[in-house]
């Protein structure tokens, strides 16, 4: 009977280290998920935001719906896109998926 309490005390100290060892796989899984999924997605969102903010009048764009057109005017949250001569459509900025052609400033004659 006297050996049992001593045995119980020794196993209690080792139990706290074993509990931490059980969390190591969870921590590793989270770290792997962060570097393989979360971080690349944040980078992609940052690039898209920069692309949308850099839009200018005359840029040729593609929307997420597949509409190709030229930026006719820029407002706060939306753009006016000319999809055919005389046909203009209002498009939300965040739905721009790609910029096909950027307009370049006219170079001054030297």
Protein backbone atom coordinates (compact mmCIF):
# COMPACT_ATOMS: atom_id res chain seq x y z
CA UNK A 1 0.00 0.00 0.00
CA UNK A 2 2.83 2.43 0.62
CA UNK A 3 4.33 2.01 -2.84
CA UNK A 4 1.16 3.19 -4.62
CA UNK A 5 1.19 6.85 -3.41
CA UNK A 6 4.88 7.20 -4.29
CA UNK A 7 4.19 5.79 -7.74
CA UNK A 8 1.35 8.26 -8.26
CA UNK A 9 3.53 11.24 -7.37
CA UNK A 10 6.25 10.30 -9.85
CA UNK A 11 3.81 9.87 -12.75
CA UNK A 12 2.22 13.30 -12.12
CA UNK A 13 5.42 15.16 -12.94
CA UNK A 14 5.91 13.25 -16.20
CA UNK A 15 2.28 13.88 -17.21
CA UNK A 16 2.79 17.62 -17.77
CA UNK A 17 5.62 16.99 -20.25
CA UNK A 18 3.52 14.38 -22.05
CA UNK A 19 0.61 16.85 -22.30
CA UNK A 20 2.88 19.38 -24.04
CA UNK A 21 4.17 16.68 -26.38
CA UNK A 22 0.58 16.01 -27.48
CA UNK A 23 0.24 19.63 -28.70
CA UNK A 24 3.40 19.59 -30.82
CA UNK A 25 1.67 17.91 -33.83
CA UNK A 26 -1.15 20.48 -33.68
CA UNK A 27 1.34 23.34 -33.64
CA UNK A 28 3.22 21.84 -36.59
CA UNK A 29 0.00 21.37 -38.57
CA UNK A 30 -0.95 25.01 -37.98
CA UNK A 31 2.52 26.20 -39.04
CA UNK A 32 2.36 24.15 -42.25
CA UNK A 33 -1.15 25.41 -43.03
CA UNK A 34 0.01 29.00 -42.48
CA UNK A 35 2.95 28.74 -44.88
CA UNK A 36 1.13 26.70 -47.54
CA UNK A 37 -2.32 28.34 -47.53
CA UNK A 38 -2.77 31.50 -45.49
CA UNK A 39 0.40 33.38 -46.40
CA UNK A 40 0.13 32.89 -50.21
CA UNK A 41 -3.53 33.96 -50.09
CA UNK A 42 -2.61 37.15 -48.23
CA UNK A 43 0.08 37.86 -50.83
CA UNK A 44 -2.42 37.34 -53.67
CA UNK A 45 -4.93 39.70 -52.03
CA UNK A 46 -2.24 42.35 -51.60
CA UNK A 47 -1.25 42.09 -55.29
CA UNK A 48 -4.89 42.34 -56.41
CA UNK A 49 -5.47 45.40 -54.23
CA UNK A 50 -2.38 47.09 -55.71
CA UNK A 51 -3.53 46.25 -59.25
CA UNK A 52 -7.01 47.68 -58.67
CA UNK A 53 -5.65 50.85 -57.06
CA UNK A 54 -3.29 51.41 -60.02
CA UNK A 55 -6.10 51.41 -62.61
CA UNK A 56 -6.25 54.46 -64.87
CA UNK A 57 -8.61 55.75 -67.51
CA UNK A 58 -7.97 53.90 -70.78
CA UNK A 59 -6.69 50.63 -69.26
CA UNK A 60 -8.10 47.50 -70.88
CA UNK A 61 -9.48 45.14 -68.21
CA UNK A 62 -11.24 41.81 -67.72
CA UNK A 63 -13.90 41.39 -65.03
CA UNK A 64 -14.58 38.22 -63.07
CA UNK A 65 -17.67 37.76 -65.23
CA UNK A 66 -15.52 37.69 -68.37
CA UNK A 67 -16.39 41.13 -69.70
CA UNK A 68 -13.53 42.83 -71.54
CA UNK A 69 -13.53 46.59 -71.84
CA UNK A 70 -11.71 49.88 -71.39
CA UNK A 71 -11.93 52.02 -68.28
CA UNK A 72 -13.90 55.14 -69.22
CA UNK A 73 -14.02 56.80 -65.80
CA UNK A 74 -13.02 56.02 -62.23
CA UNK A 75 -15.16 56.72 -59.18
CA UNK A 76 -14.67 55.86 -55.52
CA UNK A 77 -15.94 52.28 -55.40
CA UNK A 78 -16.77 51.58 -59.01
CA UNK A 79 -15.57 52.08 -62.56
CA UNK A 80 -17.35 52.92 -65.75
CA UNK A 81 -16.18 50.46 -68.42
CA UNK A 82 -16.80 50.86 -72.13
CA UNK A 83 -17.46 47.39 -73.55
CA UNK A 84 -18.45 48.55 -77.06
CA UNK A 85 -18.51 51.93 -78.79
CA UNK A 86 -21.12 53.97 -76.92
CA UNK A 87 -21.94 51.16 -74.43
CA UNK A 88 -20.76 51.81 -70.87
CA UNK A 89 -21.25 49.60 -67.83
CA UNK A 90 -20.66 50.37 -64.16
CA UNK A 91 -18.44 47.75 -62.52
CA UNK A 92 -17.39 47.35 -58.88
CA UNK A 93 -13.61 47.74 -58.52
CA UNK A 94 -13.11 44.46 -56.67
CA UNK A 95 -14.56 42.46 -59.59
CA UNK A 96 -11.63 43.36 -61.85
CA UNK A 97 -9.65 40.17 -62.32
CA UNK A 98 -6.97 41.21 -64.80
CA UNK A 99 -5.50 44.22 -66.57
CA UNK A 100 -4.77 43.38 -70.21
CA UNK A 101 -3.26 46.62 -71.43
CA UNK A 102 -1.99 49.59 -69.51
CA UNK A 103 -2.13 53.05 -70.99
CA UNK A 104 1.22 54.74 -71.10
CA UNK A 105 1.79 58.47 -70.83
CA UNK A 106 2.75 60.25 -74.02
CA UNK A 107 6.47 60.99 -74.10
CA UNK A 108 7.44 64.61 -74.57
CA UNK A 109 9.31 65.45 -77.77
CA UNK A 110 12.97 66.21 -77.13
